[in-house]
Protein backbone atom coordinates (compact mmCIF):
# COMPACT_ATOMS: atom_id res chain seq x y z
CA MET A 1 -146.96 30.93 39.91
CA SER A 2 -144.35 33.61 41.68
CA TYR A 3 -146.51 36.67 41.34
CA GLN A 4 -148.89 35.60 43.09
CA TRP A 5 -146.81 34.33 46.47
CA LEU A 6 -145.75 38.59 45.37
CA THR A 7 -149.97 39.15 45.34
CA LEU A 8 -149.39 37.60 48.96
CA TRP A 9 -147.07 39.37 49.69
CA ARG A 10 -148.56 42.87 49.93
CA TYR A 11 -151.12 41.07 52.96
CA ALA A 12 -146.92 40.84 54.91
CA GLY A 13 -147.50 43.99 57.28
CA THR A 14 -152.12 42.93 57.20
CA PHE A 15 -150.29 39.10 58.82
CA VAL A 16 -148.11 40.35 60.96
CA ASP A 17 -151.33 42.50 63.27
CA ALA A 18 -153.17 39.57 63.31
CA ALA A 19 -150.20 36.83 65.06
CA TRP A 20 -150.33 40.53 67.34
CA LEU A 21 -153.60 40.13 68.13
CA THR A 22 -154.02 36.47 68.18
CA LEU A 23 -151.13 36.22 71.14
CA GLN A 24 -152.49 39.14 72.77
CA VAL A 25 -155.02 36.86 72.94
CA THR A 26 -153.48 33.96 73.77
CA LEU A 27 -151.61 35.72 76.75
CA LEU A 28 -154.26 36.97 78.48
CA ALA A 29 -156.36 34.33 77.93
CA PHE A 30 -153.59 30.94 78.93
CA VAL A 31 -153.63 34.58 82.03
CA LEU A 32 -157.41 33.92 82.96
CA ALA A 33 -156.81 30.40 82.69
CA MET A 34 -154.45 29.80 84.72
CA ALA A 35 -156.80 32.25 87.65
CA LEU A 36 -159.74 30.41 86.92
CA GLY A 37 -157.49 26.56 87.56
CA LEU A 38 -155.60 27.41 90.33
CA LEU A 39 -159.48 29.17 92.17
CA ALA A 40 -161.18 25.97 90.77
CA ALA A 41 -159.04 23.63 92.14
CA LEU A 42 -158.61 24.99 95.43
CA ALA A 43 -163.17 24.59 95.34
CA LYS A 44 -162.45 21.04 94.62
CA GLU A 45 -160.40 19.86 97.40
CA SER A 46 -162.93 22.10 100.05
CA ARG A 47 -164.57 20.75 102.49
CA ILE A 48 -167.97 23.12 102.19
CA THR A 49 -170.09 21.19 99.87
CA LEU A 50 -171.54 23.56 98.50
CA VAL A 51 -167.97 25.28 96.74
CA ARG A 52 -167.00 21.55 95.97
CA TRP A 53 -170.54 21.20 93.59
CA ILE A 54 -169.85 24.45 92.74
CA SER A 55 -166.60 23.74 91.38
CA GLY A 56 -167.46 20.46 89.71
CA CYS A 57 -170.54 21.37 87.90
CA TYR A 58 -168.17 24.52 85.81
CA ILE A 59 -165.42 21.87 84.51
CA GLU A 60 -167.94 19.87 84.05
CA PHE A 61 -170.58 21.76 81.92
CA ILE A 62 -167.23 23.57 80.14
CA ARG A 63 -164.92 20.13 79.47
CA ASN A 64 -168.02 18.37 77.89
CA THR A 65 -169.93 21.33 75.56
CA PRO A 66 -168.57 22.72 72.76
CA VAL A 67 -165.95 25.70 72.76
CA LEU A 68 -167.66 27.25 69.77
CA LEU A 69 -171.15 26.39 71.14
CA GLN A 70 -168.85 28.60 74.66
CA ILE A 71 -167.83 31.32 72.33
CA PHE A 72 -171.50 31.89 70.81
CA ILE A 73 -172.85 32.33 73.98
CA ILE A 74 -170.54 34.37 75.48
CA PHE A 75 -170.70 37.04 71.64
CA PHE A 76 -174.17 36.37 70.68
CA GLY A 77 -175.64 34.94 73.88
CA LEU A 78 -174.81 37.61 76.57
CA PRO A 79 -175.94 40.86 74.40
CA SER A 80 -179.81 39.80 74.75
CA LEU A 81 -179.03 39.99 79.19
CA GLY A 82 -178.25 43.42 78.38
CA ILE A 83 -174.19 42.18 78.46
CA THR A 84 -172.46 43.84 74.89
CA MET A 85 -168.55 43.20 74.70
CA SER A 86 -165.83 43.21 71.82
CA ALA A 87 -164.83 40.46 70.01
CA PHE A 88 -161.69 40.47 71.57
CA THR A 89 -163.26 40.61 75.09
CA ALA A 90 -165.77 37.95 74.12
CA GLY A 91 -163.15 35.60 72.67
CA VAL A 92 -160.28 36.01 75.71
CA LEU A 93 -163.38 35.45 78.70
CA ALA A 94 -164.82 32.16 76.22
CA LEU A 95 -160.98 30.10 75.89
CA GLY A 96 -160.39 32.28 79.27
CA ILE A 97 -163.15 29.91 80.58
CA ASN A 98 -162.55 26.25 78.54
CA VAL A 99 -159.03 26.14 79.51
CA GLY A 100 -159.22 27.30 82.97
CA ALA A 101 -161.42 24.08 82.89
CA TYR A 102 -159.01 21.18 81.90
CA LEU A 103 -156.37 23.75 83.71
CA ALA A 104 -158.28 22.60 87.20
CA GLU A 105 -158.05 18.73 86.88
CA THR A 106 -154.14 19.51 86.04
CA PHE A 107 -154.00 21.10 89.51
CA ARG A 108 -155.95 19.16 90.79
CA ALA A 109 -153.88 16.42 90.07
CA GLY A 110 -150.75 17.55 90.56
CA ILE A 111 -151.99 18.60 94.67
CA GLN A 112 -153.36 15.63 95.73
CA SER A 113 -149.38 14.01 93.94
CA VAL A 114 -147.80 15.42 96.71
CA PRO A 115 -147.13 12.85 99.25
CA GLN A 116 -149.73 12.61 102.83
CA GLY A 117 -146.72 12.42 104.73
CA GLN A 118 -145.40 16.20 103.77
CA ARG A 119 -147.60 17.43 104.98
CA GLU A 120 -148.16 15.76 107.57
CA ALA A 121 -144.97 16.88 109.42
CA ALA A 122 -145.82 20.47 108.09
CA TYR A 123 -147.84 19.67 110.20
CA ILE A 124 -146.28 18.43 113.20
CA LEU A 125 -143.75 21.19 112.60
CA GLY A 126 -146.14 23.40 113.28
CA ILE A 127 -146.16 25.58 109.76
CA SER A 128 -149.41 27.33 109.09
CA PRO A 129 -151.66 25.79 105.85
CA ARG A 130 -151.15 28.85 103.75
CA GLN A 131 -147.70 28.48 104.11
CA MET A 132 -147.71 24.59 104.06
CA PHE A 133 -149.50 24.82 100.84
CA ILE A 134 -146.89 27.65 99.50
CA HIS A 135 -143.50 26.32 100.61
CA VAL A 136 -144.66 22.90 100.34
CA VAL A 137 -147.61 21.31 98.16
CA MET A 138 -147.18 23.95 95.28
CA PRO A 139 -143.92 23.90 94.26
CA GLN A 140 -143.76 20.24 94.02
CA ALA A 141 -147.61 20.08 92.11
CA ALA A 142 -145.43 23.18 89.73
CA ARG A 143 -144.05 20.37 88.43
CA ALA A 144 -145.46 17.89 88.26
CA VAL A 145 -148.17 19.31 86.07
CA TYR A 146 -145.86 22.08 84.79
CA PRO A 147 -145.55 20.18 81.05
CA ALA A 148 -149.60 19.38 80.75
CA ILE A 149 -149.39 23.54 81.87
CA ILE A 150 -147.45 24.26 78.34
CA ASN A 151 -149.52 21.52 76.57
CA ASN A 152 -152.84 23.50 76.78
CA LEU A 153 -150.61 26.66 76.09
CA ILE A 154 -150.30 25.41 72.71
CA GLN A 155 -153.95 24.12 72.09
CA LEU A 156 -155.34 27.87 74.14
CA LEU A 157 -152.63 29.16 70.73
CA LEU A 158 -154.07 27.19 68.40
CA GLY A 159 -157.62 27.36 69.61
CA THR A 160 -157.66 31.02 68.71
CA SER A 161 -158.54 30.33 65.20
CA LEU A 162 -162.45 29.37 65.94
CA LEU A 163 -162.51 33.02 66.88
CA SER A 164 -162.54 33.82 63.72
CA ALA A 165 -166.66 32.68 63.57
CA ILE A 166 -167.19 36.83 65.36
CA ALA A 167 -165.65 37.76 63.37
CA LEU A 168 -162.14 38.84 65.06
CA PRO A 169 -158.94 39.55 62.62
CA GLU A 170 -157.22 37.06 64.42
CA LEU A 171 -154.77 35.00 61.94
CA THR A 172 -157.80 32.03 60.55
CA GLY A 173 -160.13 34.96 60.78
CA THR A 174 -157.26 37.70 58.32
CA ALA A 175 -156.87 34.87 56.09
CA THR A 176 -160.18 34.33 55.52
CA VAL A 177 -160.43 37.80 54.16
CA ILE A 178 -157.44 37.78 52.20
CA ASN A 179 -158.40 34.68 51.21
CA ALA A 180 -161.93 36.29 49.75
CA ARG A 181 -159.46 39.34 47.98
CA THR A 182 -157.35 37.25 46.23
CA LEU A 183 -159.18 34.02 45.67
CA LEU A 184 -155.58 32.47 46.86
CA TYR A 185 -156.52 29.09 48.25
CA ILE A 186 -153.04 27.21 49.30
CA GLN A 187 -150.24 30.13 50.09
CA THR A 188 -152.61 32.48 51.79
CA PHE A 189 -154.05 29.27 54.31
CA SER A 190 -149.95 27.63 53.95
CA VAL A 191 -149.00 30.93 55.30
CA VAL A 192 -151.21 30.69 58.27
CA LEU A 193 -150.26 27.15 58.99
CA GLY A 194 -146.66 27.98 58.87
CA VAL A 195 -147.54 30.96 61.56
CA TYR A 196 -148.79 28.50 63.22
CA LEU A 197 -146.24 26.58 63.73
CA VAL A 198 -143.66 28.50 64.09
CA LEU A 199 -145.60 30.04 67.35
CA SER A 200 -146.36 26.80 69.01
CA ASN A 201 -142.86 25.57 68.36
CA LEU A 202 -141.51 29.06 70.08
CA PHE A 203 -144.22 28.01 73.16
CA SER A 204 -142.02 25.10 73.43
CA TRP A 205 -139.39 26.06 73.04
CA LEU A 206 -139.60 29.06 75.40
CA GLY A 207 -141.36 25.97 78.40
CA ASN A 208 -138.36 24.57 78.27
CA LEU A 209 -136.09 27.22 78.65
CA ILE A 210 -138.27 28.35 81.40
CA GLY A 211 -138.41 25.26 82.66
CA ARG A 212 -134.33 24.14 82.56
CA ARG A 213 -134.41 27.56 84.37
CA VAL A 214 -136.46 27.81 87.38
CA PHE A 215 -136.83 24.14 88.84
CA ASN A 216 -133.99 22.63 89.92
CA PRO A 217 -133.29 19.46 88.89
CA PRO A 218 -134.51 20.76 85.63
CA LEU A 219 -136.69 18.86 84.02
CA VAL A 220 -135.77 18.81 80.54
CA THR A 221 -132.49 17.70 79.70
CA LYS A 222 -129.44 18.09 77.28
CA VAL A 223 -127.96 15.06 76.59
CA LYS A 224 -124.12 15.28 75.71
CA LYS A 225 -122.52 11.99 73.77
CA SER A 226 -125.86 9.30 72.85
CA VAL A 227 -125.82 6.25 75.43
CA TRP A 228 -124.67 4.19 71.63
CA PHE A 229 -121.56 5.72 71.81
CA ARG A 230 -120.72 6.20 75.87
CA ARG A 231 -117.15 5.22 76.69
CA VAL A 232 -116.24 2.87 78.91
CA THR A 233 -114.07 2.95 81.35
CA PHE A 234 -111.83 0.63 83.61
CA PRO A 235 -109.64 1.24 86.33
CA VAL A 236 -106.13 0.20 86.12
CA ASN A 237 -105.35 -1.80 89.34
CA PRO A 238 -108.51 -2.89 89.75
CA VAL A 239 -109.03 -3.42 92.69
CA LYS A 240 -110.55 -7.76 93.46
CA GLN A 241 -113.84 -8.25 96.13
CA ARG A 242 -112.76 -10.34 99.25
CA ASN A 243 -115.55 -12.65 100.21
CA PRO A 244 -116.67 -12.47 103.22
CA VAL A 245 -114.47 -14.39 105.78
């Protein structure tokens, strides 16, 4: 049994390269998704009917169609229109567009969670709409939607496995090739599952760390002692409260 793991160890460098490629796709697609999501959320809140309609069509179409078919359309369908791109570019574009639609609704919910009274107060103080959005609305909205953003980032990381369908040598695609060479099904895919688990927990840990540092008070606080073992103390000479006359 040990010789099987030794055989798989020869591909350690290949797994590392695949993990690095997965991280690149994840981060680039996430940056694209953040930009598209914010633009779509602002467009959905626009006063112009056409802008709201375009944003709504984008959100509804992407969220109600399979992401794998979206990848196929971008990678296999666009070349028929004269638009050719590599598997890496198509994967980043497809995942970024897909996650951007979900982030658009997340951002819109965060913007709407800011009380209307604060916007009216900023308007009375003579603050411009741009300054009000940057200094009043956006900080509160970011705090409200930050956990959901981290969850979308982790889902984007796991969604990169679909790019193996267009022959991108990320983790799942690399594992499929190595499995075809070695026929070590359990060992190969167990290694890939472990790598995904480590990367997703790493993103979660970094997200919690950033949340504690950026937001004040922090989103995640450390509990030093359990409530069940908390010691309750009383003053030595308690002062009795007198009844009002």
